[in-house]
Amino acid sequence: MKKYQYIDLFCGCGGLSLGFEQAGFMPKAGIDFKESAINTYKRHFKNATGLCIDISSMDEETIKKELGNLSKIDVIIGGPPCQGFSNANKNYVEDDDPRNRLFFEFMKFVDLAQPRVVVIENVPQIITKNDGYAKKRITEIFQERSYNVVNAILDASDYGVPQKRMRNFFIITKGTPFDVSKIKKSSKKVTVKEAIGELYEFEKQEHQSNVVLKTPPETAYQQYLRAREGVVSNHDIHYPAEIQQKRISYVPQGGNWKDVPEELWETKRTQKTGRKNRHSSAYKRLKEDDVSVTIDAGNQHSNYYHPIYNRIPTVREAARIQSFPDDFVFEGTMTEQYLQVGNAVPPLLAKCIAIAIKEYLQNEEKNN
């Protein structure tokens, strides 16, 4: 059976790429300007070209030199910034807006490859901001190139990911419009405990990055996560300052900063404002029997905490909540690893989208 080829622009560590690979697609290339993210990408997509480069520095000649002939590329995926599209100023020239520059660089690859499908991932607000102007312009730009554009705001927790994470996906096709209802949801939610509970046994092994799970997986999700011989990497356990641990200790599962006694906020830095200016997500403790809040790109600045222990999740725990399997190892400093995990598209969500796109491509071929 034919393996469809894809390239991933603004690929990060490769969450979107991994989902497409899991669905049977063949990665051709991943491009990102962050070195640690590309190092992670290259570690896992060994048969693809991983380029650490700002795509705006790639002219047509450079693209062809680095990636070869793009005519066999079936799909282009990625998350180009789209927030520059605005109808606020009548004298506004969208091509001159630096926030749009990268979107039009993305389009340069589309024009060269003429892929049958394009997938653009972004925040849900892109659909409603400025009365949906960005959605309107993206649709127009692709329609000018004879593409059909649909979009869907998807919650990762509906697709086997133990995390509530809302993202918008434009699915853009050369053939008939894509039917987003074909992206199949999971039959049940995966919980935080199912994702990270089996790592509790390593709690006393602080500062030990690689540990080994000896017990057999109890669920299908745990089976999916398991690396060969049970090796668990990127699981460095670090506890915050004592005052922070004390504050967290008062927060029950599902609770937040409101559960912390007032006097524990009365430090020199907070005594004027107390805790009243805090967001409801601050000091949020995850619930074992529920899905996680959205995993962010923070490190010590993260606003969510482990359901049992008075610390933030490790890189590996965050990665498991993002649906990265344990054999997906993150390169770089710990801060860079957290950024890679938090910025990624959850692979299992990407896989569900990719499976539906593969069926779409096969049906188009059958009907033409």
Protein backbone atom coordinates (compact mmCIF):
# COMPACT_ATOMS: atom_id res chain seq x y z
CA MET A 1 0.00 0.00 0.00
CA LYS A 2 1.24 3.49 -0.87
CA LYS A 3 2.83 5.52 1.92
CA TYR A 4 1.89 9.17 1.64
CA GLN A 5 4.74 11.62 2.20
CA TYR A 6 4.57 14.79 4.28
CA ILE A 7 6.72 17.67 5.45
CA ASP A 8 6.26 19.42 8.79
CA LEU A 9 6.93 23.17 8.97
CA PHE A 10 7.42 24.78 12.40
CA CYS A 11 7.67 21.16 13.50
CA GLY A 12 9.05 21.67 17.03
CA CYS A 13 10.06 18.33 18.50
CA GLY A 14 7.63 16.52 16.18
CA GLY A 15 4.30 15.89 17.96
CA LEU A 16 2.24 16.46 14.81
CA SER A 17 4.79 14.47 12.79
CA LEU A 18 4.67 11.55 15.20
CA GLY A 19 0.90 11.29 14.90
CA PHE A 20 1.11 11.24 11.11
CA GLU A 21 3.88 8.64 11.23
CA GLN A 22 1.80 6.49 13.61
CA ALA A 23 -1.03 6.68 11.05
CA GLY A 24 1.25 5.28 8.33
CA PHE A 25 2.50 8.45 6.64
CA MET A 26 6.17 8.86 5.68
CA PRO A 27 8.02 11.92 7.04
CA LYS A 28 10.12 13.66 4.41
CA ALA A 29 11.32 16.68 6.42
CA GLY A 30 10.84 18.75 9.54
CA ILE A 31 11.87 22.40 9.77
CA ASP A 32 12.16 24.58 12.88
CA PHE A 33 14.52 27.31 14.05
CA LYS A 34 14.98 25.91 17.59
CA GLU A 35 18.06 23.74 17.76
CA SER A 36 17.05 21.59 20.74
CA ALA A 37 13.66 20.84 19.13
CA ILE A 38 15.30 19.82 15.84
CA ASN A 39 17.79 17.64 17.73
CA THR A 40 14.81 15.83 19.27
CA TYR A 41 13.11 15.62 15.86
CA LYS A 42 16.21 14.15 14.20
CA ARG A 43 16.60 11.59 16.96
CA HIS A 44 13.18 10.14 16.16
CA PHE A 45 12.69 10.71 12.44
CA LYS A 46 15.97 9.31 11.23
CA ASN A 47 14.86 8.85 7.62
CA ALA A 48 13.61 12.44 7.33
CA THR A 49 15.60 15.63 6.85
CA GLY A 50 15.63 17.75 10.01
CA LEU A 51 16.57 21.36 9.35
CA CYS A 52 17.34 23.93 12.03
CA ILE A 53 16.68 27.07 10.04
CA ASP A 54 14.41 30.10 9.85
CA ILE A 55 12.22 29.25 6.87
CA SER A 56 12.13 32.91 5.82
CA SER A 57 15.81 32.51 4.86
CA MET A 58 14.97 29.68 2.45
CA ASP A 59 14.44 30.79 -1.12
CA GLU A 60 13.22 28.39 -3.82
CA GLU A 61 16.75 27.32 -4.71
CA THR A 62 17.61 26.55 -1.06
CA ILE A 63 14.42 24.57 -0.58
CA LYS A 64 15.14 22.42 -3.62
CA LYS A 65 18.77 21.96 -2.57
CA GLU A 66 17.84 20.86 0.97
CA LEU A 67 14.65 18.90 0.26
CA GLY A 68 14.90 17.90 -3.37
CA ASN A 69 11.86 17.63 -5.59
CA LEU A 70 8.70 18.44 -3.62
CA SER A 71 6.31 17.17 -6.28
CA LYS A 72 5.90 13.84 -4.45
CA ILE A 73 4.82 15.51 -1.20
CA ASP A 74 1.19 14.61 -0.53
CA VAL A 75 0.66 16.60 2.67
CA ILE A 76 2.14 19.68 4.31
CA ILE A 77 1.49 20.10 8.03
CA GLY A 78 2.47 22.77 10.51
CA GLY A 79 1.59 25.63 12.81
CA PRO A 80 2.51 28.93 11.12
CA PRO A 81 1.71 32.08 13.13
CA CYS A 82 -1.53 33.61 11.87
CA GLN A 83 -2.21 36.35 14.44
CA GLY A 84 -1.06 39.12 12.11
CA PHE A 85 -4.21 39.00 9.98
CA SER A 86 -6.27 42.01 11.03
CA ASN A 87 -8.99 44.18 9.56
CA ALA A 88 -8.41 46.97 12.08
CA ASN A 89 -6.51 49.30 9.77
CA LYS A 90 -7.70 50.15 6.26
CA ASN A 91 -4.18 51.10 5.17
CA TYR A 92 -2.79 47.83 6.49
CA VAL A 93 -0.69 45.75 4.09
CA GLU A 94 -0.76 42.16 5.34
CA ASP A 95 2.40 41.11 3.48
CA ASP A 96 4.34 43.82 5.33
CA ASP A 97 3.23 42.71 8.79
CA PRO A 98 6.16 40.82 10.38
CA ARG A 99 3.66 38.59 12.18
CA ASN A 100 2.38 37.40 8.79
CA ARG A 101 5.80 36.92 7.23
CA LEU A 102 6.07 33.33 8.43
CA PHE A 103 2.59 32.45 7.18
CA PHE A 104 3.53 33.55 3.68
CA GLU A 105 6.80 31.63 3.95
CA PHE A 106 4.64 28.58 4.74
CA MET A 107 2.65 29.34 1.59
CA LYS A 108 5.88 29.35 -0.43
CA PHE A 109 6.27 25.64 0.36
CA VAL A 110 2.63 25.01 -0.54
CA ASP A 111 3.11 26.73 -3.91
CA LEU A 112 6.24 24.70 -4.63
CA ALA A 113 4.87 21.30 -3.57
CA GLN A 114 1.20 21.69 -4.56
CA PRO A 115 0.25 19.07 -1.93
CA ARG A 116 -3.14 17.42 -1.99
CA VAL A 117 -3.74 18.23 1.68
CA VAL A 118 -2.52 21.00 4.00
CA VAL A 119 -3.06 20.94 7.77
CA ILE A 120 -2.59 24.15 9.78
CA GLU A 121 -2.79 23.99 13.57
CA ASN A 122 -3.36 27.04 15.74
CA VAL A 123 -5.14 28.39 18.82
CA PRO A 124 -8.97 28.35 18.77
CA GLN A 125 -9.08 32.16 19.11
CA ILE A 126 -7.87 32.43 15.52
CA ILE A 127 -11.45 31.61 14.45
CA THR A 128 -13.20 34.35 16.43
CA LYS A 129 -10.65 37.16 16.83
CA ASN A 130 -11.48 40.33 14.84
CA ASP A 131 -14.81 38.79 13.81
CA GLY A 132 -13.06 35.80 12.28
CA TYR A 133 -10.94 37.86 9.91
CA ALA A 134 -7.92 35.52 10.07
CA LYS A 135 -10.10 32.54 9.15
CA LYS A 136 -11.58 34.54 6.27
CA ARG A 137 -8.15 35.54 4.91
CA ILE A 138 -6.64 32.06 5.25
CA THR A 139 -9.65 30.66 3.41
CA GLU A 140 -9.32 33.27 0.64
CA ILE A 141 -5.58 32.69 0.24
CA PHE A 142 -6.11 28.97 -0.26
CA GLN A 143 -9.22 29.35 -2.42
CA GLU A 144 -7.16 31.50 -4.78
CA ARG A 145 -5.04 28.37 -5.23
CA SER A 146 -8.08 26.14 -5.87
CA TYR A 147 -8.14 24.53 -2.42
CA ASN A 148 -11.18 23.82 -0.26
CA VAL A 149 -10.87 24.94 3.37
CA VAL A 150 -12.64 23.56 6.43
CA ASN A 151 -11.77 23.91 10.10
CA ALA A 152 -12.51 22.16 13.36
CA ILE A 153 -11.78 23.06 16.98
CA LEU A 154 -10.85 19.78 18.63
CA ASP A 155 -10.41 18.86 22.30
CA ALA A 156 -7.50 16.42 22.68
CA SER A 157 -9.29 14.60 25.52
CA ASP A 158 -11.87 13.36 22.98
CA TYR A 159 -9.13 11.58 21.04
CA GLY A 160 -7.37 9.42 23.63
CA VAL A 161 -5.20 12.15 25.17
CA PRO A 162 -5.47 12.52 28.98
CA GLN A 163 -5.68 16.30 28.76
CA LYS A 164 -8.22 19.01 27.98
CA ARG A 165 -6.51 20.90 25.18
CA MET A 166 -8.45 22.88 22.58
CA ARG A 167 -6.80 23.55 19.22
CA ASN A 168 -8.07 24.68 15.85
CA PHE A 169 -7.16 22.75 12.72
CA PHE A 170 -7.61 23.99 9.17
CA ILE A 171 -7.79 20.96 6.86
CA ILE A 172 -7.28 22.18 3.33
CA THR A 173 -7.75 19.92 0.29
CA LYS A 174 -7.22 20.01 -3.46
CA GLY A 175 -10.13 17.65 -4.04
CA THR A 176 -13.57 17.59 -2.44
CA PRO A 177 -13.93 19.33 0.94
CA PHE A 178 -12.74 17.28 3.90
CA ASP A 179 -15.44 15.97 6.25
CA VAL A 180 -14.27 16.73 9.81
CA SER A 181 -16.83 14.30 11.24
CA LYS A 182 -14.58 11.52 9.88
CA ILE A 183 -12.03 12.26 12.63
CA LYS A 184 -13.04 9.49 14.99
CA LYS A 185 -13.32 10.15 18.72
CA SER A 186 -12.21 7.71 21.42
CA SER A 187 -14.80 5.66 23.24
CA LYS A 188 -13.53 6.68 26.69
CA LYS A 189 -11.45 9.34 28.41
CA VAL A 190 -7.94 8.56 29.64
CA THR A 191 -7.24 9.87 33.16
CA VAL A 192 -4.19 11.50 34.72
CA LYS A 193 -3.59 8.48 36.94
CA GLU A 194 -3.69 6.14 33.97
CA ALA A 195 -1.05 8.32 32.31
CA ILE A 196 1.38 8.84 35.18
CA GLY A 197 0.30 6.67 38.13
CA GLU A 198 2.74 3.88 37.34
CA LEU A 199 5.63 6.35 37.76
CA TYR A 200 4.81 7.07 41.43
CA GLU A 201 7.14 4.26 42.51
CA PHE A 202 10.16 6.31 41.39
CA GLU A 203 9.40 9.31 43.62
CA LYS A 204 12.34 8.81 45.96
CA GLN A 205 14.79 8.49 43.08
CA GLU A 206 15.33 12.24 42.78
CA HIS A 207 17.65 13.53 40.01
CA GLN A 208 17.63 10.14 38.28
CA SER A 209 16.69 10.63 34.65
CA ASN A 210 16.42 7.04 33.43
CA VAL A 211 14.41 4.50 35.40
CA VAL A 212 12.86 1.16 34.46
CA LEU A 213 9.26 -0.01 34.89
CA LYS A 214 9.25 -3.66 35.92
CA THR A 215 5.49 -4.15 36.34
CA PRO A 216 3.37 -5.00 33.29
CA PRO A 217 1.08 -2.24 31.88
CA GLU A 218 -2.50 -2.47 33.14
CA THR A 219 -4.31 -0.54 30.39
CA ALA A 220 -4.13 -0.08 26.63
CA TYR A 221 -2.88 3.48 27.13
CA GLN A 222 -0.05 2.32 29.38
CA GLN A 223 0.81 -0.35 26.83
CA TYR A 224 0.99 2.37 24.17
CA LEU A 225 3.32 4.47 26.34
CA ARG A 226 5.77 1.69 27.18
CA ALA A 227 9.26 1.76 25.75
CA ARG A 228 11.30 -1.36 25.14
CA GLU A 229 12.27 -3.02 28.43
CA GLY A 230 10.25 -0.40 30.34
CA VAL A 231 12.89 2.35 30.18
CA VAL A 232 11.58 5.76 31.28
CA SER A 233 13.71 8.78 30.31
CA ASN A 234 13.39 12.53 30.98
CA HIS A 235 12.01 11.78 34.44
CA ASP A 236 14.18 14.08 36.56
CA ILE A 237 12.25 14.80 39.76
CA HIS A 238 12.76 18.25 41.26
CA TYR A 239 10.99 19.84 44.21
CA PRO A 240 10.45 23.62 44.47
CA ALA A 241 11.38 25.89 47.38
CA GLU A 242 10.05 24.90 50.79
CA ILE A 243 7.50 27.73 50.95
CA GLN A 244 6.09 26.69 47.58
CA GLN A 245 5.85 23.05 48.68
CA LYS A 246 4.02 24.19 51.80
CA ARG A 247 1.50 26.17 49.76
CA ILE A 248 0.93 23.27 47.36
CA SER A 249 0.42 20.88 50.30
CA TYR A 250 -2.86 22.63 51.16
CA VAL A 251 -4.30 22.23 47.66
CA PRO A 252 -6.51 19.15 47.18
CA GLN A 253 -6.84 17.43 43.80
CA GLY A 254 -8.77 19.76 41.52
CA GLY A 255 -8.17 22.71 43.87
CA ASN A 256 -6.16 25.87 43.29
CA TRP A 257 -4.56 28.84 45.05
CA LYS A 258 -7.79 29.61 46.93
CA ASP A 259 -7.09 26.56 49.12
CA VAL A 260 -3.79 28.03 50.35
CA PRO A 261 -4.00 29.79 53.76
CA GLU A 262 -3.81 33.59 53.40
CA GLU A 263 -0.78 33.91 55.65
CA LEU A 264 1.33 31.76 53.32
CA TRP A 265 1.07 34.44 50.64
CA GLU A 266 2.21 37.20 52.99
CA THR A 267 5.77 37.46 51.76
CA LYS A 268 7.45 40.79 51.01
CA ARG A 269 6.62 40.36 47.37
CA THR A 270 2.90 39.59 47.81
CA GLN A 271 1.84 41.36 50.99
CA LYS A 272 0.45 44.39 49.11
CA THR A 273 -1.70 42.43 46.71
CA GLY A 274 -2.22 39.25 48.73
CA ARG A 275 -3.53 36.53 46.46
CA LYS A 276 -6.53 38.30 44.96
CA ASN A 277 -4.85 39.01 41.65
CA ARG A 278 -4.19 35.35 40.91
CA HIS A 279 -5.82 33.49 38.06
CA SER A 280 -8.08 30.53 38.88
CA SER A 281 -5.57 28.17 37.25
CA ALA A 282 -2.73 29.19 39.58
CA TYR A 283 -1.58 26.43 41.93
CA LYS A 284 -3.99 24.02 40.26
CA ARG A 285 -3.50 20.43 41.39
CA LEU A 286 -4.32 17.77 38.81
CA LYS A 287 -7.03 15.23 39.56
CA GLU A 288 -6.10 11.56 39.22
CA ASP A 289 -9.58 10.51 38.08
CA ASP A 290 -9.98 13.25 35.46
CA VAL A 291 -8.13 14.54 32.41
CA SER A 292 -5.36 17.08 32.93
CA VAL A 293 -5.57 20.81 32.39
CA THR A 294 -3.69 22.03 29.30
CA ILE A 295 0.01 21.21 29.53
CA ASP A 296 1.89 24.46 29.01
CA ALA A 297 5.45 25.22 27.96
CA GLY A 298 6.54 26.31 31.43
CA ASN A 299 9.06 24.83 33.83
CA GLN A 300 9.17 26.25 37.34
CA HIS A 301 6.60 28.81 36.13
CA SER A 302 3.94 26.18 35.41
CA ASN A 303 0.58 26.70 37.06
CA TYR A 304 -0.34 23.06 37.58
CA TYR A 305 0.95 20.49 40.06
CA HIS A 306 1.25 16.75 40.49
CA PRO A 307 -1.93 15.12 41.88
CA ILE A 308 -0.05 13.50 44.78
CA TYR A 309 3.34 15.18 45.25
CA ASN A 310 4.09 18.84 45.97
CA ARG A 311 5.87 19.61 42.71
CA ILE A 312 5.20 20.17 39.03
CA PRO A 313 5.11 17.11 36.75
CA THR A 314 8.44 15.98 35.35
CA VAL A 315 9.14 16.31 31.63
CA ARG A 316 8.19 12.64 31.20
CA GLU A 317 4.96 12.99 33.16
CA ALA A 318 4.03 16.04 31.05
CA ALA A 319 4.97 14.09 27.90
CA ARG A 320 2.78 11.13 28.92
CA ILE A 321 -0.12 13.55 29.50
CA GLN A 322 0.59 14.89 26.00
CA SER A 323 0.48 11.27 24.66
CA PHE A 324 4.17 10.97 23.80
CA PRO A 325 5.32 7.36 24.32
CA ASP A 326 8.28 6.73 26.62
CA ASP A 327 10.66 5.94 23.76
CA PHE A 328 10.27 9.53 22.53
CA VAL A 329 13.28 11.12 24.24
CA PHE A 330 13.62 14.91 24.50
CA GLU A 331 16.96 16.64 23.89
CA GLY A 332 18.31 19.89 25.37
CA THR A 333 18.18 21.50 28.79
CA MET A 334 15.25 20.76 31.08
CA THR A 335 13.71 24.15 30.24
CA GLU A 336 14.02 23.35 26.52
CA GLN A 337 12.46 19.92 27.09
CA TYR A 338 9.45 21.45 28.87
CA LEU A 339 9.06 23.93 26.00
CA GLN A 340 9.12 21.13 23.42
CA VAL A 341 6.48 19.12 25.29
CA GLY A 342 4.21 22.07 26.00
CA ASN A 343 4.35 23.49 22.46
CA ALA A 344 3.65 20.15 20.76
CA VAL A 345 0.46 18.89 19.21
CA PRO A 346 -0.50 15.72 21.15
CA PRO A 347 0.56 12.81 18.90
CA LEU A 348 -2.61 10.76 19.46
CA LEU A 349 -4.78 13.72 18.43
CA ALA A 350 -2.58 14.16 15.36
CA LYS A 351 -2.89 10.44 14.62
CA CYS A 352 -6.71 10.61 14.61
CA ILE A 353 -6.59 13.52 12.16
CA ALA A 354 -4.01 11.71 10.01
CA ILE A 355 -6.04 8.49 9.82
CA ALA A 356 -9.04 10.45 8.56
CA ILE A 357 -6.85 12.25 6.00
CA LYS A 358 -5.39 8.95 4.79
CA GLU A 359 -8.90 7.59 4.24
CA TYR A 360 -9.78 10.82 2.43
CA LEU A 361 -6.78 10.48 0.08
CA GLN A 362 -7.56 6.83 -0.63
CA ASN A 363 -11.20 7.63 -1.40
CA GLU A 364 -10.20 10.50 -3.70
CA GLU A 365 -7.94 8.14 -5.64
CA LYS A 366 -10.66 5.53 -5.86
CA ASN A 367 -13.21 8.01 -7.16
CA ASN A 368 -10.98 9.71 -9.74
